[in-house]
C-alpha atoms as a PDB file:
ATOM      1  CA  MET A   1       0.195 -12.340  11.535  1.00  0.00           C
ATOM      2  CA  ARG A   2       0.204 -10.872   8.064  1.00  0.00           C
ATOM      3  CA  THR A   3       1.410  -7.476   6.932  1.00  0.00           C
ATOM      4  CA  LEU A   4      -0.755  -5.233   4.770  1.00  0.00           C
ATOM      5  CA  ALA A   5       0.540  -2.401   2.588  1.00  0.00           C
ATOM      6  CA  ILE A   6      -1.353   0.651   1.390  1.00  0.00           C
ATOM      7  CA  ASP A   7      -0.359   2.703  -1.645  1.00  0.00           C
ATOM      8  CA  HIS A   8      -2.126   5.970  -0.817  1.00  0.00           C
ATOM      9  CA  GLY A   9      -3.821   7.784  -3.655  1.00  0.00           C
ATOM     10  CA  THR A  10      -6.345  10.568  -4.011  1.00  0.00           C
ATOM     11  CA  HIS A  11      -8.712   8.379  -6.053  1.00  0.00           C
ATOM     12  CA  ARG A  12      -7.745   4.800  -5.167  1.00  0.00           C
ATOM     13  CA  MET A  13      -5.859   3.070  -2.384  1.00  0.00           C
ATOM     14  CA  GLY A  14      -3.839   0.086  -3.523  1.00  0.00           C
ATOM     15  CA  ILE A  15      -3.825  -2.802  -1.062  1.00  0.00           C
ATOM     16  CA  ALA A  16      -1.333  -5.674  -0.894  1.00  0.00           C
ATOM     17  CA  LEU A  17      -1.057  -8.480   1.629  1.00  0.00           C
ATOM     18  CA  SER A  18       1.751 -10.740   2.746  1.00  0.00           C
ATOM     19  CA  ASP A  19       1.511 -14.486   3.067  1.00  0.00           C
ATOM     20  CA  GLU A  20       1.239 -15.993   6.557  1.00  0.00           C
ATOM     21  CA  LEU A  21       5.032 -16.260   6.845  1.00  0.00           C
ATOM     22  CA  ASN A  22       5.570 -12.592   5.919  1.00  0.00           C
ATOM     23  CA  MET A  23       7.843 -13.588   3.043  1.00  0.00           C
ATOM     24  CA  LEU A  24       5.843 -12.842  -0.117  1.00  0.00           C
ATOM     25  CA  ALA A  25       3.689  -9.863  -1.050  1.00  0.00           C
ATOM     26  CA  GLN A  26       0.621 -10.240  -3.231  1.00  0.00           C
ATOM     27  CA  PRO A  27      -1.539  -7.505  -4.756  1.00  0.00           C
ATOM     28  CA  LEU A  28      -4.980  -7.761  -3.157  1.00  0.00           C
ATOM     29  CA  GLU A  29      -7.278  -5.026  -4.444  1.00  0.00           C
ATOM     30  CA  PHE A  30      -7.800  -1.315  -4.737  1.00  0.00           C
ATOM     31  CA  ILE A  31     -10.341   0.529  -2.654  1.00  0.00           C
ATOM     32  CA  PRO A  32     -11.812   3.866  -3.752  1.00  0.00           C
ATOM     33  CA  ALA A  33     -10.413   6.631  -1.537  1.00  0.00           C
ATOM     34  CA  GLU A  34     -13.780   8.374  -1.267  1.00  0.00           C
ATOM     35  CA  PRO A  35     -16.037   8.222   0.565  1.00  0.00           C
ATOM     36  CA  PHE A  36     -13.431   7.767   3.284  1.00  0.00           C
ATOM     37  CA  ALA A  37     -15.896   6.027   5.631  1.00  0.00           C
ATOM     38  CA  ALA A  38     -16.440   3.310   3.006  1.00  0.00           C
ATOM     39  CA  PHE A  39     -12.677   2.954   2.511  1.00  0.00           C
ATOM     40  CA  LEU A  40     -12.195   2.613   6.254  1.00  0.00           C
ATOM     41  CA  ALA A  41     -14.994   0.048   6.600  1.00  0.00           C
ATOM     42  CA  ARG A  42     -13.497  -2.109   3.836  1.00  0.00           C
ATOM     43  CA  LEU A  43      -9.999  -1.797   5.295  1.00  0.00           C
ATOM     44  CA  GLN A  44     -11.213  -2.831   8.750  1.00  0.00           C
ATOM     45  CA  GLN A  45     -12.982  -5.823   7.204  1.00  0.00           C
ATOM     46  CA  ILE A  46      -9.744  -6.912   5.492  1.00  0.00           C
ATOM     47  CA  LEU A  47      -7.768  -6.441   8.718  1.00  0.00           C
ATOM     48  CA  ARG A  48     -10.157  -8.779  10.561  1.00  0.00           C
ATOM     49  CA  GLU A  49     -10.586 -11.391   7.837  1.00  0.00           C
ATOM     50  CA  LYS A  50      -6.894 -11.649   6.945  1.00  0.00           C
ATOM     51  CA  GLU A  51      -5.598 -11.384  10.535  1.00  0.00           C
ATOM     52  CA  VAL A  52      -3.320  -8.455   9.782  1.00  0.00           C
ATOM     53  CA  GLY A  53      -0.736  -7.608  12.433  1.00  0.00           C
ATOM     54  CA  GLN A  54       0.691  -4.407  10.954  1.00  0.00           C
ATOM     55  CA  ILE A  55       0.175  -1.897   8.157  1.00  0.00           C
ATOM     56  CA  ILE A  56       2.857  -0.365   5.939  1.00  0.00           C
ATOM     57  CA  VAL A  57       1.902   2.895   4.206  1.00  0.00           C
ATOM     58  CA  GLY A  58       3.951   4.223   1.320  1.00  0.00           C
ATOM     59  CA  MET A  59       5.494   7.625   2.058  1.00  0.00           C
ATOM     60  CA  PRO A  60       6.150   9.601  -1.113  1.00  0.00           C
ATOM     61  CA  ARG A  61       9.475  11.386  -1.122  1.00  0.00           C
ATOM     62  CA  ASN A  62      11.129  13.566  -3.687  1.00  0.00           C
ATOM     63  CA  MET A  63      14.132  12.125  -5.490  1.00  0.00           C
ATOM     64  CA  ASP A  64      16.446  14.177  -3.233  1.00  0.00           C
ATOM     65  CA  GLY A  65      14.836  12.540  -0.183  1.00  0.00           C
ATOM     66  CA  SER A  66      12.836  15.570   0.907  1.00  0.00           C
ATOM     67  CA  TYR A  67       9.112  15.539   1.645  1.00  0.00           C
ATOM     68  CA  GLY A  68       6.648  17.406  -0.551  1.00  0.00           C
ATOM     69  CA  PRO A  69       2.893  18.101  -0.513  1.00  0.00           C
ATOM     70  CA  ALA A  70       2.004  14.465  -1.261  1.00  0.00           C
ATOM     71  CA  ALA A  71       3.926  13.358   1.835  1.00  0.00           C
ATOM     72  CA  LEU A  72       1.920  15.796   3.972  1.00  0.00           C
ATOM     73  CA  LYS A  73      -1.314  14.207   2.713  1.00  0.00           C
ATOM     74  CA  VAL A  74       0.011  10.765   3.606  1.00  0.00           C
ATOM     75  CA  GLN A  75       1.045  11.968   7.072  1.00  0.00           C
ATOM     76  CA  GLU A  76      -2.507  13.268   7.616  1.00  0.00           C
ATOM     77  CA  PHE A  77      -3.931   9.980   6.319  1.00  0.00           C
ATOM     78  CA  VAL A  78      -1.722   7.954   8.689  1.00  0.00           C
ATOM     79  CA  ALA A  79      -2.763  10.133  11.659  1.00  0.00           C
ATOM     80  CA  VAL A  80      -6.450   9.496  10.929  1.00  0.00           C
ATOM     81  CA  LEU A  81      -5.777   5.796  10.309  1.00  0.00           C
ATOM     82  CA  ARG A  82      -4.000   5.426  13.665  1.00  0.00           C
ATOM     83  CA  ASP A  83      -7.188   6.568  15.393  1.00  0.00           C
ATOM     84  CA  ALA A  84      -9.340   4.148  13.385  1.00  0.00           C
ATOM     85  CA  VAL A  85      -7.415   0.857  13.601  1.00  0.00           C
ATOM     86  CA  THR A  86      -5.694  -1.030  16.388  1.00  0.00           C
ATOM     87  CA  VAL A  87      -2.753  -2.518  14.464  1.00  0.00           C
ATOM     88  CA  PRO A  88       0.617  -0.739  14.323  1.00  0.00           C
ATOM     89  CA  ILE A  89       1.266   1.468  11.276  1.00  0.00           C
ATOM     90  CA  ARG A  90       4.650   2.245   9.722  1.00  0.00           C
ATOM     91  CA  THR A  91       5.575   4.353   6.743  1.00  0.00           C
ATOM     92  CA  LEU A  92       8.124   3.351   4.132  1.00  0.00           C
ATOM     93  CA  ASP A  93       9.767   5.299   1.312  1.00  0.00           C
ATOM     94  CA  GLU A  94       7.819   4.538  -1.841  1.00  0.00           C
ATOM     95  CA  ARG A  95       9.922   6.348  -4.428  1.00  0.00           C
ATOM     96  CA  LEU A  96       9.481   4.814  -7.870  1.00  0.00           C
ATOM     97  CA  THR A  97       7.064   2.020  -6.843  1.00  0.00           C
ATOM     98  CA  THR A  98       4.415   3.320  -9.243  1.00  0.00           C
ATOM     99  CA  VAL A  99       7.013   3.559 -12.022  1.00  0.00           C
ATOM    100  CA  GLN A 100       8.060  -0.047 -11.308  1.00  0.00           C
ATOM    101  CA  ALA A 101       4.418  -1.175 -11.298  1.00  0.00           C
ATOM    102  CA  HIS A 102       3.738   0.515 -14.658  1.00  0.00           C
ATOM    103  CA  ARG A 103       6.882  -1.062 -16.122  1.00  0.00           C
ATOM    104  CA  MET A 104       5.958  -4.513 -14.817  1.00  0.00           C
ATOM    105  CA  LEU A 105       2.400  -4.267 -16.160  1.00  0.00           C
ATOM    106  CA  SER A 106       3.677  -2.967 -19.488  1.00  0.00           C
ATOM    107  CA  GLN A 107       6.052  -5.910 -19.813  1.00  0.00           C
ATOM    108  CA  ALA A 108       3.121  -8.214 -19.045  1.00  0.00           C
ATOM    109  CA  GLU A 109       1.255  -6.398 -21.851  1.00  0.00           C
ATOM    110  CA  VAL A 110      -1.546  -5.233 -19.572  1.00  0.00           C
ATOM    111  CA  LYS A 111      -3.319  -2.397 -21.378  1.00  0.00           C
ATOM    112  CA  GLY A 112      -5.613   0.562 -20.732  1.00  0.00           C
ATOM    113  CA  ARG A 113      -8.309   0.177 -18.102  1.00  0.00           C
ATOM    114  CA  ASP A 114      -6.897  -3.112 -16.816  1.00  0.00           C
ATOM    115  CA  ARG A 115      -3.565  -1.397 -16.145  1.00  0.00           C
ATOM    116  CA  ARG A 116      -5.202   1.510 -14.283  1.00  0.00           C
ATOM    117  CA  GLN A 117      -7.062  -0.968 -12.094  1.00  0.00           C
ATOM    118  CA  LYS A 118      -3.947  -3.002 -11.330  1.00  0.00           C
ATOM    119  CA  VAL A 119      -1.264  -0.351 -10.922  1.00  0.00           C
ATOM    120  CA  ASP A 120      -2.283   0.754  -7.408  1.00  0.00           C
ATOM    121  CA  LYS A 121      -2.382  -2.724  -5.901  1.00  0.00           C
ATOM    122  CA  SER A 122       0.807  -3.644  -7.795  1.00  0.00           C
ATOM    123  CA  SER A 123       2.549  -0.579  -6.346  1.00  0.00           C
ATOM    124  CA  ALA A 124       1.399  -1.656  -2.882  1.00  0.00           C
ATOM    125  CA  ALA A 125       2.801  -5.156  -3.518  1.00  0.00           C
ATOM    126  CA  ILE A 126       6.186  -3.731  -4.585  1.00  0.00           C
ATOM    127  CA  LEU A 127       6.225  -1.540  -1.471  1.00  0.00           C
ATOM    128  CA  LEU A 128       5.330  -4.498   0.739  1.00  0.00           C
ATOM    129  CA  GLN A 129       7.894  -6.824  -0.830  1.00  0.00           C
ATOM    130  CA  THR A 130      10.566  -4.164  -0.295  1.00  0.00           C
ATOM    131  CA  TYR A 131       9.596  -4.011   3.368  1.00  0.00           C
ATOM    132  CA  LEU A 132       9.475  -7.811   3.772  1.00  0.00           C
ATOM    133  CA  ASP A 133      12.880  -8.217   2.107  1.00  0.00           C
ATOM    134  CA  SER A 134      14.383  -5.700   4.542  1.00  0.00           C
ATOM    135  CA  GLN A 135      13.331  -7.684   7.609  1.00  0.00           C
ATOM    136  CA  PRO A 136      15.690 -10.168   9.255  1.00  0.00           C
ATOM    137  CA  SER A 137      14.890 -13.830   8.671  1.00  0.00           C
ATOM    138  CA  PRO A 138      13.126 -15.552  11.580  1.00  0.00           C
END
C-alpha cells in the first residue's frame, strides 16, 4: 500500500504519493482547499485509485519546536479528516519543507505561476520522502 502526504495550506493542499514499495516520494498535484467538500471528494478518489494505506500530514512547528496558530489549524484539519477517511493518519514535523521546495524549484529555474503551482506538491513530496527515509527497511 502506498503512502500519501498532504502539505496543508489555506488556499491549496499539496499532495504527494509514494511508489508501491514506499521508497520514493513523487509530487502528485495540488487540490484547492475550498470548498472543503470538493477537496475531500478529490482526496477520497485518490485514496481509492492509488490504493493508499496511510496519510502523512505536515505539522508546522516553530523553529524552537513549539506549536503556533498554524499547527492548531492542522490539528483541526486532521480531526475532520479522521472522520472522513478510513486510512490511518499521522502528522510529521514539516519545518522548512516549503523553503526547501522553493529552493529546489529556483535551482530548476521554475518561475512565477509555475512555481506557485508546484511548490505545494513539492513540499508534500519533501515531507513524504523525509517520512519514508525514516522508516526501517523491509
